[in-house]
Amino acid sequence: MNLEQLIEQTAVGLGYELVDFERATNSLLRVYIDEATHTREITVEDCEVLSRQLTYLFEVENINYERLEVSSPGLDRPLKKMADFKRFAGSLASVRLKLPLHFSEADTAGRKNFTGTLQAVNMDAPEGEQLNMVFEHEGAEQVLAFGLADVDKARLVPVYNFKGKQK
């Protein structure tokens, strides 16, 4: 069992969803979690529970690390799985594709980075599940259709409300 599977199995067993993890410099291991039912926000106590459990697990499994950080994915949550794109349909997201798209013959450089609104996943596409995003290009709205395998990196774009609570 690899490290990601160990972390995911432990997180799921405690009622969390593994959003992402990364090995950073200086043997730092970062783990990002969400609440499995998506009915509440992650608390410091949640992070502490998983951190404690992973510390014991890593000792038993002899996994080398110096520091462990467990946190929520934040407002700019990464989108990694098809389930993430389904859950956040209607949300503003930033997507970087692995290969550039060319919009015309004159467009030799192409474009990899897009920001727009995620649409519902198209289950009937001939290539399998297809993701759609509405974005603006040359003053007009366009639809970007792509597969999960085409995505290099995707994140939610935080939308801030500085006006406070509405009455």
N, C-alpha and C. Protein backbone atom coordinates (compact mmCIF):
# COMPACT_ATOMS: atom_id res chain seq x y z
N MET A 1 0.85 -1.18 0.00
CA MET A 1 0.00 0.00 0.00
C MET A 1 0.89 1.24 0.00
N ASN A 2 0.60 2.18 -0.90
CA ASN A 2 1.43 3.38 -0.97
C ASN A 2 0.99 4.41 0.08
N LEU A 3 1.76 5.49 0.19
CA LEU A 3 1.51 6.50 1.21
C LEU A 3 0.15 7.15 1.07
N GLU A 4 -0.25 7.48 -0.16
CA GLU A 4 -1.55 8.11 -0.38
C GLU A 4 -2.68 7.18 0.08
N GLN A 5 -2.58 5.91 -0.23
CA GLN A 5 -3.61 4.95 0.18
C GLN A 5 -3.67 4.82 1.70
N LEU A 6 -2.51 4.82 2.36
CA LEU A 6 -2.48 4.75 3.83
C LEU A 6 -3.17 5.97 4.45
N ILE A 7 -2.83 7.15 3.94
CA ILE A 7 -3.43 8.38 4.48
C ILE A 7 -4.93 8.39 4.21
N GLU A 8 -5.33 8.04 2.98
CA GLU A 8 -6.74 8.06 2.62
C GLU A 8 -7.54 7.07 3.47
N GLN A 9 -7.03 5.87 3.64
CA GLN A 9 -7.73 4.85 4.44
C GLN A 9 -7.91 5.32 5.88
N THR A 10 -6.89 5.94 6.44
CA THR A 10 -6.96 6.45 7.81
C THR A 10 -7.97 7.60 7.90
N ALA A 11 -7.91 8.52 6.95
CA ALA A 11 -8.83 9.67 6.96
C ALA A 11 -10.28 9.21 6.83
N VAL A 12 -10.54 8.32 5.89
CA VAL A 12 -11.91 7.81 5.68
C VAL A 12 -12.41 7.10 6.94
N GLY A 13 -11.54 6.35 7.57
CA GLY A 13 -11.92 5.64 8.80
C GLY A 13 -12.32 6.58 9.92
N LEU A 14 -11.82 7.79 9.89
CA LEU A 14 -12.16 8.79 10.92
C LEU A 14 -13.27 9.75 10.48
N GLY A 15 -13.82 9.54 9.28
CA GLY A 15 -14.93 10.37 8.80
C GLY A 15 -14.50 11.58 8.00
N TYR A 16 -13.30 11.52 7.41
CA TYR A 16 -12.80 12.63 6.60
C TYR A 16 -12.57 12.18 5.17
N GLU A 17 -12.44 13.14 4.28
CA GLU A 17 -12.11 12.90 2.89
C GLU A 17 -10.71 13.46 2.66
N LEU A 18 -9.82 12.68 2.07
CA LEU A 18 -8.50 13.18 1.71
C LEU A 18 -8.65 14.01 0.45
N VAL A 19 -8.34 15.29 0.55
CA VAL A 19 -8.43 16.19 -0.60
C VAL A 19 -7.12 16.14 -1.38
N ASP A 20 -6.01 16.21 -0.66
CA ASP A 20 -4.70 16.22 -1.31
C ASP A 20 -3.64 15.99 -0.24
N PHE A 21 -2.45 15.61 -0.69
CA PHE A 21 -1.30 15.58 0.20
C PHE A 21 -0.06 15.85 -0.64
N GLU A 22 0.98 16.33 0.03
CA GLU A 22 2.22 16.61 -0.68
C GLU A 22 3.40 16.42 0.26
N ARG A 23 4.48 15.98 -0.34
CA ARG A 23 5.76 15.93 0.37
C ARG A 23 6.51 17.19 -0.05
N ALA A 24 6.83 18.02 0.92
CA ALA A 24 7.54 19.27 0.65
C ALA A 24 9.00 19.12 1.08
N THR A 25 9.76 20.19 0.94
CA THR A 25 11.17 20.14 1.32
C THR A 25 11.32 19.94 2.82
N ASN A 26 12.49 19.51 3.22
CA ASN A 26 12.83 19.28 4.63
C ASN A 26 11.93 18.23 5.28
N SER A 27 11.54 17.21 4.52
CA SER A 27 10.74 16.09 5.02
C SER A 27 9.41 16.53 5.63
N LEU A 28 8.82 17.59 5.09
CA LEU A 28 7.52 18.06 5.52
C LEU A 28 6.44 17.32 4.74
N LEU A 29 5.47 16.82 5.44
CA LEU A 29 4.34 16.13 4.82
C LEU A 29 3.07 16.93 5.13
N ARG A 30 2.41 17.43 4.08
CA ARG A 30 1.17 18.21 4.24
C ARG A 30 -0.01 17.36 3.80
N VAL A 31 -1.06 17.37 4.61
CA VAL A 31 -2.28 16.61 4.32
C VAL A 31 -3.46 17.58 4.40
N TYR A 32 -4.30 17.58 3.36
CA TYR A 32 -5.47 18.44 3.31
C TYR A 32 -6.71 17.56 3.36
N ILE A 33 -7.62 17.86 4.29
CA ILE A 33 -8.81 17.04 4.47
C ILE A 33 -10.08 17.88 4.44
N ASP A 34 -11.18 17.19 4.18
CA ASP A 34 -12.51 17.80 4.26
C ASP A 34 -13.38 16.84 5.05
N GLU A 35 -14.48 17.33 5.54
CA GLU A 35 -15.42 16.48 6.26
C GLU A 35 -16.15 15.63 5.22
N ALA A 36 -16.25 14.33 5.47
CA ALA A 36 -16.72 13.38 4.45
C ALA A 36 -18.14 13.65 3.96
N THR A 37 -19.02 14.13 4.82
CA THR A 37 -20.41 14.35 4.40
C THR A 37 -20.63 15.76 3.84
N HIS A 38 -19.62 16.60 3.94
CA HIS A 38 -19.67 17.98 3.44
C HIS A 38 -20.79 18.80 4.09
N THR A 39 -21.08 18.50 5.34
CA THR A 39 -22.14 19.22 6.05
C THR A 39 -21.60 20.26 7.01
N ARG A 40 -20.29 20.26 7.22
CA ARG A 40 -19.70 21.25 8.13
C ARG A 40 -18.26 21.52 7.70
N GLU A 41 -17.70 22.56 8.27
CA GLU A 41 -16.31 22.94 7.99
C GLU A 41 -15.35 22.11 8.85
N ILE A 42 -14.13 21.98 8.39
CA ILE A 42 -13.08 21.31 9.15
C ILE A 42 -12.64 22.22 10.29
N THR A 43 -12.46 21.66 11.47
CA THR A 43 -12.02 22.43 12.63
C THR A 43 -10.58 22.06 12.98
N VAL A 44 -9.99 22.83 13.86
CA VAL A 44 -8.65 22.54 14.35
C VAL A 44 -8.65 21.18 15.06
N GLU A 45 -9.73 20.87 15.75
CA GLU A 45 -9.83 19.59 16.44
C GLU A 45 -9.81 18.42 15.45
N ASP A 46 -10.48 18.59 14.30
CA ASP A 46 -10.45 17.55 13.27
C ASP A 46 -9.02 17.31 12.80
N CYS A 47 -8.29 18.38 12.56
CA CYS A 47 -6.91 18.27 12.10
C CYS A 47 -6.05 17.59 13.16
N GLU A 48 -6.31 17.92 14.40
CA GLU A 48 -5.55 17.31 15.51
C GLU A 48 -5.81 15.81 15.60
N VAL A 49 -7.08 15.40 15.45
CA VAL A 49 -7.44 13.98 15.51
C VAL A 49 -6.70 13.19 14.43
N LEU A 50 -6.75 13.67 13.19
CA LEU A 50 -6.09 12.96 12.10
C LEU A 50 -4.57 13.02 12.26
N SER A 51 -4.03 14.14 12.67
CA SER A 51 -2.60 14.27 12.87
C SER A 51 -2.10 13.25 13.89
N ARG A 52 -2.80 13.13 14.99
CA ARG A 52 -2.41 12.17 16.03
C ARG A 52 -2.44 10.74 15.47
N GLN A 53 -3.50 10.40 14.75
CA GLN A 53 -3.65 9.05 14.20
C GLN A 53 -2.56 8.76 13.15
N LEU A 54 -2.27 9.74 12.29
CA LEU A 54 -1.23 9.55 11.27
C LEU A 54 0.16 9.41 11.90
N THR A 55 0.40 10.14 12.97
CA THR A 55 1.69 10.04 13.67
C THR A 55 1.91 8.61 14.16
N TYR A 56 0.89 8.01 14.76
CA TYR A 56 1.00 6.61 15.21
C TYR A 56 1.19 5.68 14.02
N LEU A 57 0.41 5.87 12.97
CA LEU A 57 0.48 5.03 11.78
C LEU A 57 1.87 5.08 11.13
N PHE A 58 2.40 6.29 10.97
CA PHE A 58 3.70 6.46 10.33
C PHE A 58 4.81 5.81 11.14
N GLU A 59 4.67 5.83 12.46
CA GLU A 59 5.65 5.17 13.31
C GLU A 59 5.61 3.66 13.12
N VAL A 60 4.41 3.09 13.08
CA VAL A 60 4.24 1.66 12.88
C VAL A 60 4.70 1.24 11.49
N GLU A 61 4.36 2.03 10.47
CA GLU A 61 4.70 1.70 9.08
C GLU A 61 6.11 2.15 8.69
N ASN A 62 6.83 2.77 9.64
CA ASN A 62 8.20 3.23 9.42
C ASN A 62 8.30 4.19 8.23
N ILE A 63 7.40 5.18 8.21
CA ILE A 63 7.40 6.20 7.17
C ILE A 63 8.23 7.39 7.64
N ASN A 64 9.19 7.78 6.84
CA ASN A 64 10.13 8.82 7.21
C ASN A 64 9.56 10.20 6.90
N TYR A 65 9.51 11.04 7.91
CA TYR A 65 9.11 12.44 7.78
C TYR A 65 9.60 13.17 9.02
N GLU A 66 9.74 14.48 8.92
CA GLU A 66 10.15 15.25 10.10
C GLU A 66 9.00 16.04 10.69
N ARG A 67 8.16 16.61 9.79
CA ARG A 67 7.01 17.39 10.27
C ARG A 67 5.78 16.98 9.51
N LEU A 68 4.65 17.03 10.19
CA LEU A 68 3.36 16.70 9.59
C LEU A 68 2.43 17.89 9.81
N GLU A 69 1.81 18.35 8.72
CA GLU A 69 0.79 19.40 8.81
C GLU A 69 -0.51 18.85 8.26
N VAL A 70 -1.59 18.99 9.02
CA VAL A 70 -2.92 18.58 8.57
C VAL A 70 -3.80 19.82 8.62
N SER A 71 -4.48 20.12 7.50
CA SER A 71 -5.33 21.30 7.47
C SER A 71 -6.50 21.12 6.50
N SER A 72 -7.39 22.10 6.52
CA SER A 72 -8.49 22.12 5.55
C SER A 72 -7.90 22.54 4.20
N PRO A 73 -8.61 22.27 3.11
CA PRO A 73 -8.08 22.65 1.79
C PRO A 73 -8.12 24.15 1.53
N GLY A 74 -8.83 24.92 2.33
CA GLY A 74 -8.88 26.36 2.16
C GLY A 74 -9.93 26.79 1.13
N LEU A 75 -10.04 28.09 0.97
CA LEU A 75 -11.02 28.65 0.04
C LEU A 75 -10.67 28.36 -1.43
N ASP A 76 -9.38 28.22 -1.71
CA ASP A 76 -8.95 27.93 -3.07
C ASP A 76 -8.65 26.44 -3.22
N ARG A 77 -9.58 25.65 -2.75
CA ARG A 77 -9.47 24.20 -2.71
C ARG A 77 -9.07 23.61 -4.07
N PRO A 78 -8.12 22.67 -4.05
CA PRO A 78 -7.79 22.00 -5.31
C PRO A 78 -8.91 21.06 -5.75
N LEU A 79 -9.07 20.93 -7.04
CA LEU A 79 -10.05 20.00 -7.63
C LEU A 79 -9.24 18.88 -8.27
N LYS A 80 -9.33 17.69 -7.72
CA LYS A 80 -8.48 16.58 -8.17
C LYS A 80 -9.29 15.46 -8.81
N LYS A 81 -10.45 15.17 -8.24
CA LYS A 81 -11.24 14.01 -8.66
C LYS A 81 -12.49 14.47 -9.40
N MET A 82 -13.07 13.56 -10.17
CA MET A 82 -14.31 13.87 -10.88
C MET A 82 -15.39 14.29 -9.88
N ALA A 83 -15.40 13.66 -8.71
CA ALA A 83 -16.39 14.01 -7.68
C ALA A 83 -16.26 15.47 -7.25
N ASP A 84 -15.03 16.01 -7.24
CA ASP A 84 -14.83 17.43 -6.89
C ASP A 84 -15.49 18.34 -7.92
N PHE A 85 -15.31 18.01 -9.20
CA PHE A 85 -15.90 18.83 -10.26
C PHE A 85 -17.43 18.75 -10.23
N LYS A 86 -17.96 17.57 -9.90
CA LYS A 86 -19.42 17.41 -9.79
C LYS A 86 -19.94 18.22 -8.62
N ARG A 87 -19.27 18.12 -7.48
CA ARG A 87 -19.71 18.81 -6.26
C ARG A 87 -19.71 20.33 -6.42
N PHE A 88 -18.71 20.85 -7.13
CA PHE A 88 -18.56 22.30 -7.22
C PHE A 88 -19.06 22.88 -8.54
N ALA A 89 -19.93 22.15 -9.24
CA ALA A 89 -20.55 22.69 -10.45
C ALA A 89 -21.27 23.99 -10.08
N GLY A 90 -21.10 25.00 -10.91
CA GLY A 90 -21.69 26.32 -10.63
C GLY A 90 -20.72 27.26 -9.93
N SER A 91 -19.57 26.74 -9.52
CA SER A 91 -18.57 27.55 -8.82
C SER A 91 -17.53 28.09 -9.80
N LEU A 92 -16.90 29.18 -9.40
CA LEU A 92 -15.83 29.77 -10.17
C LEU A 92 -14.55 28.97 -9.93
N ALA A 93 -13.85 28.60 -11.00
CA ALA A 93 -12.64 27.80 -10.87
C ALA A 93 -11.57 28.26 -11.85
N SER A 94 -10.34 27.94 -11.52
CA SER A 94 -9.20 28.20 -12.38
C SER A 94 -8.64 26.84 -12.79
N VAL A 95 -8.49 26.62 -14.09
CA VAL A 95 -8.03 25.33 -14.61
C VAL A 95 -6.82 25.55 -15.51
N ARG A 96 -5.78 24.76 -15.28
CA ARG A 96 -4.63 24.76 -16.18
C ARG A 96 -4.58 23.39 -16.85
N LEU A 97 -4.62 23.39 -18.18
CA LEU A 97 -4.57 22.16 -18.94
C LEU A 97 -3.13 21.73 -19.20
N LYS A 98 -2.94 20.45 -19.46
CA LYS A 98 -1.60 19.94 -19.76
C LYS A 98 -1.10 20.43 -21.11
N LEU A 99 -2.00 20.51 -22.08
CA LEU A 99 -1.64 20.95 -23.43
C LEU A 99 -2.44 22.19 -23.80
N PRO A 100 -1.84 23.13 -24.56
CA PRO A 100 -2.57 24.35 -24.93
C PRO A 100 -3.66 24.08 -25.97
N LEU A 101 -4.73 24.86 -25.89
CA LEU A 101 -5.80 24.83 -26.88
C LEU A 101 -5.61 25.99 -27.84
N HIS A 102 -5.83 25.75 -29.11
CA HIS A 102 -5.71 26.78 -30.13
C HIS A 102 -7.11 27.16 -30.61
N PHE A 103 -7.44 28.45 -30.58
CA PHE A 103 -8.77 28.91 -30.93
C PHE A 103 -8.92 29.28 -32.40
N SER A 104 -7.80 29.39 -33.10
CA SER A 104 -7.86 29.72 -34.53
C SER A 104 -6.53 29.32 -35.16
N GLU A 105 -6.48 29.39 -36.50
CA GLU A 105 -5.24 29.08 -37.23
C GLU A 105 -4.13 30.06 -36.86
N ALA A 106 -4.50 31.31 -36.61
CA ALA A 106 -3.52 32.34 -36.28
C ALA A 106 -3.00 32.21 -34.84
N ASP A 107 -3.72 31.48 -34.01
CA ASP A 107 -3.37 31.31 -32.60
C ASP A 107 -2.32 30.19 -32.48
N THR A 108 -1.05 30.55 -32.67
CA THR A 108 0.01 29.53 -32.67
C THR A 108 0.44 29.14 -31.27
N ALA A 109 0.36 30.06 -30.33
CA ALA A 109 0.81 29.76 -28.97
C ALA A 109 -0.21 28.92 -28.20
N GLY A 110 -1.48 29.18 -28.42
CA GLY A 110 -2.51 28.47 -27.68
C GLY A 110 -2.67 29.00 -26.27
N ARG A 111 -3.52 28.35 -25.55
CA ARG A 111 -3.85 28.81 -24.20
C ARG A 111 -4.06 27.59 -23.30
N LYS A 112 -3.45 27.62 -22.12
CA LYS A 112 -3.57 26.53 -21.15
C LYS A 112 -4.40 26.92 -19.93
N ASN A 113 -4.40 28.19 -19.58
CA ASN A 113 -5.03 28.65 -18.34
C ASN A 113 -6.39 29.27 -18.60
N PHE A 114 -7.37 28.82 -17.83
CA PHE A 114 -8.75 29.29 -17.99
C PHE A 114 -9.35 29.54 -16.61
N THR A 115 -10.14 30.59 -16.50
CA THR A 115 -10.91 30.86 -15.29
C THR A 115 -12.35 31.06 -15.73
N GLY A 116 -13.24 30.34 -15.09
CA GLY A 116 -14.65 30.44 -15.45
C GLY A 116 -15.52 29.63 -14.50
N THR A 117 -16.78 29.46 -14.89
CA THR A 117 -17.75 28.76 -14.06
C THR A 117 -17.86 27.30 -14.49
N LEU A 118 -17.66 26.41 -13.54
CA LEU A 118 -17.79 24.98 -13.83
C LEU A 118 -19.25 24.65 -14.11
N GLN A 119 -19.48 23.81 -15.10
CA GLN A 119 -20.82 23.36 -15.45
C GLN A 119 -20.99 21.92 -14.97
N ALA A 120 -22.20 21.41 -15.05
CA ALA A 120 -22.47 20.02 -14.67
C ALA A 120 -21.64 19.10 -15.56
N VAL A 121 -21.22 17.98 -15.01
CA VAL A 121 -20.42 17.01 -15.76
C VAL A 121 -21.31 16.35 -16.81
N ASN A 122 -20.81 16.28 -18.04
CA ASN A 122 -21.54 15.65 -19.14
C ASN A 122 -21.25 14.15 -19.11
N MET A 123 -22.23 13.36 -18.70
CA MET A 123 -22.06 11.92 -18.57
C MET A 123 -22.21 11.20 -19.91
N ASP A 124 -22.79 11.87 -20.92
CA ASP A 124 -23.10 11.22 -22.19
C ASP A 124 -22.05 11.45 -23.27
N ALA A 125 -20.92 12.04 -22.92
CA ALA A 125 -19.88 12.30 -23.93
C ALA A 125 -19.31 10.98 -24.43
N PRO A 126 -19.00 10.90 -25.71
CA PRO A 126 -18.47 9.65 -26.29
C PRO A 126 -17.14 9.21 -25.66
N GLU A 127 -16.34 10.17 -25.19
CA GLU A 127 -15.03 9.84 -24.61
C GLU A 127 -15.14 9.49 -23.13
N GLY A 128 -16.32 9.43 -22.57
CA GLY A 128 -16.50 9.22 -21.13
C GLY A 128 -16.97 10.51 -20.50
N GLU A 129 -16.84 10.61 -19.20
CA GLU A 129 -17.29 11.81 -18.49
C GLU A 129 -16.50 13.02 -18.96
N GLN A 130 -17.21 14.08 -19.30
CA GLN A 130 -16.59 15.29 -19.83
C GLN A 130 -16.91 16.47 -18.92
N LEU A 131 -15.90 17.28 -18.65
CA LEU A 131 -16.06 18.47 -17.83
C LEU A 131 -16.28 19.66 -18.74
N ASN A 132 -17.12 20.59 -18.30
CA ASN A 132 -17.39 21.80 -19.06
C ASN A 132 -17.19 23.01 -18.17
N MET A 133 -16.66 24.08 -18.77
CA MET A 133 -16.47 25.33 -18.06
C MET A 133 -16.83 26.47 -19.01
N VAL A 134 -17.59 27.42 -18.51
CA VAL A 134 -17.91 28.61 -19.29
C VAL A 134 -16.88 29.68 -18.92
N PHE A 135 -16.20 30.22 -19.94
CA PHE A 135 -15.20 31.25 -19.71
C PHE A 135 -15.37 32.33 -20.78
N GLU A 136 -14.71 33.46 -20.56
CA GLU A 136 -14.81 34.56 -21.52
C GLU A 136 -13.57 34.57 -22.40
N HIS A 137 -13.79 34.67 -23.72
CA HIS A 137 -12.69 34.73 -24.69
C HIS A 137 -13.05 35.76 -25.75
N GLU A 138 -12.21 36.77 -25.89
CA GLU A 138 -12.42 37.84 -26.85
C GLU A 138 -13.80 38.47 -26.72
N GLY A 139 -14.21 38.72 -25.48
CA GLY A 139 -15.46 39.40 -25.21
C GLY A 139 -16.72 38.56 -25.30
N ALA A 140 -16.59 37.27 -25.56
CA ALA A 140 -17.78 36.41 -25.67
C ALA A 140 -17.61 35.19 -24.75
N GLU A 141 -18.72 34.72 -24.25
CA GLU A 141 -18.69 33.50 -23.44
C GLU A 141 -18.50 32.29 -24.32
N GLN A 142 -17.62 31.40 -23.91
CA GLN A 142 -17.38 30.16 -24.64
C GLN A 142 -17.39 29.01 -23.66
N VAL A 143 -17.59 27.81 -24.19
CA VAL A 143 -17.59 26.62 -23.35
C VAL A 143 -16.33 25.83 -23.63
N LEU A 144 -15.61 25.53 -22.59
CA LEU A 144 -14.41 24.69 -22.68
C LEU A 144 -14.83 23.28 -22.26
N ALA A 145 -14.62 22.31 -23.12
CA ALA A 145 -14.94 20.92 -22.81
C ALA A 145 -13.62 20.16 -22.70
N PHE A 146 -13.44 19.43 -21.61
CA PHE A 146 -12.18 18.73 -21.38
C PHE A 146 -12.43 17.52 -20.48
N GLY A 147 -11.48 16.63 -20.45
CA GLY A 147 -11.55 15.46 -19.58
C GLY A 147 -10.66 15.63 -18.37
N LEU A 148 -10.86 14.83 -17.37
CA LEU A 148 -10.06 14.90 -16.15
C LEU A 148 -8.58 14.65 -16.47
N ALA A 149 -8.30 13.79 -17.43
CA ALA A 149 -6.91 13.49 -17.82
C ALA A 149 -6.22 14.68 -18.47
N ASP A 150 -6.99 15.66 -18.98
CA ASP A 150 -6.43 16.85 -19.62
C ASP A 150 -5.98 17.90 -18.60
N VAL A 151 -6.38 17.75 -17.34
CA VAL A 151 -6.15 18.78 -16.32
C VAL A 151 -4.78 18.61 -15.68
N ASP A 152 -4.00 19.69 -15.72
CA ASP A 152 -2.72 19.72 -15.01
C ASP A 152 -2.96 20.14 -13.57
N LYS A 153 -3.76 21.20 -13.39
CA LYS A 153 -4.05 21.72 -12.05
C LYS A 153 -5.38 22.47 -12.10
N ALA A 154 -6.19 22.30 -11.07
CA ALA A 154 -7.46 23.02 -10.99
C ALA A 154 -7.73 23.41 -9.54
N ARG A 155 -8.27 24.60 -9.36
CA ARG A 155 -8.59 25.11 -8.01
C ARG A 155 -9.85 25.95 -8.08
N LEU A 156 -10.56 25.99 -6.97
CA LEU A 156 -11.67 26.93 -6.84
C LEU A 156 -11.09 28.34 -6.75
N VAL A 157 -11.82 29.30 -7.25
CA VAL A 157 -11.43 30.71 -7.11
C VAL A 157 -12.28 31.27 -5.98
N PRO A 158 -11.64 31.73 -4.90
CA PRO A 158 -12.42 32.26 -3.77
C PRO A 158 -13.23 33.48 -4.18
N VAL A 159 -14.44 33.54 -3.68
CA VAL A 159 -15.31 34.70 -3.90
C VAL A 159 -15.54 35.31 -2.52
N TYR A 160 -15.06 36.54 -2.36
CA TYR A 160 -15.14 37.21 -1.07
C TYR A 160 -16.32 38.15 -1.02
N ASN A 161 -16.93 38.24 0.17
CA ASN A 161 -18.02 39.19 0.39
C ASN A 161 -17.59 40.09 1.52
N PHE A 162 -17.21 41.33 1.19
CA PHE A 162 -16.74 42.26 2.20
C PHE A 162 -17.87 43.10 2.78
N LYS A 163 -19.10 42.86 2.36
CA LYS A 163 -20.22 43.65 2.84
C LYS A 163 -20.78 43.11 4.15
N GLY A 164 -20.35 41.94 4.55
CA GLY A 164 -20.86 41.36 5.79
C GLY A 164 -22.18 40.65 5.55
N LYS A 165 -22.81 40.27 6.63
CA LYS A 165 -24.06 39.52 6.54
C LYS A 165 -25.18 40.43 6.05
N GLN A 166 -25.98 39.91 5.15
CA GLN A 166 -27.13 40.66 4.63
C GLN A 166 -28.32 40.42 5.57
N LYS A 167 -29.12 41.47 5.79
CA LYS A 167 -30.28 41.34 6.68
C LYS A 167 -31.48 40.87 5.90
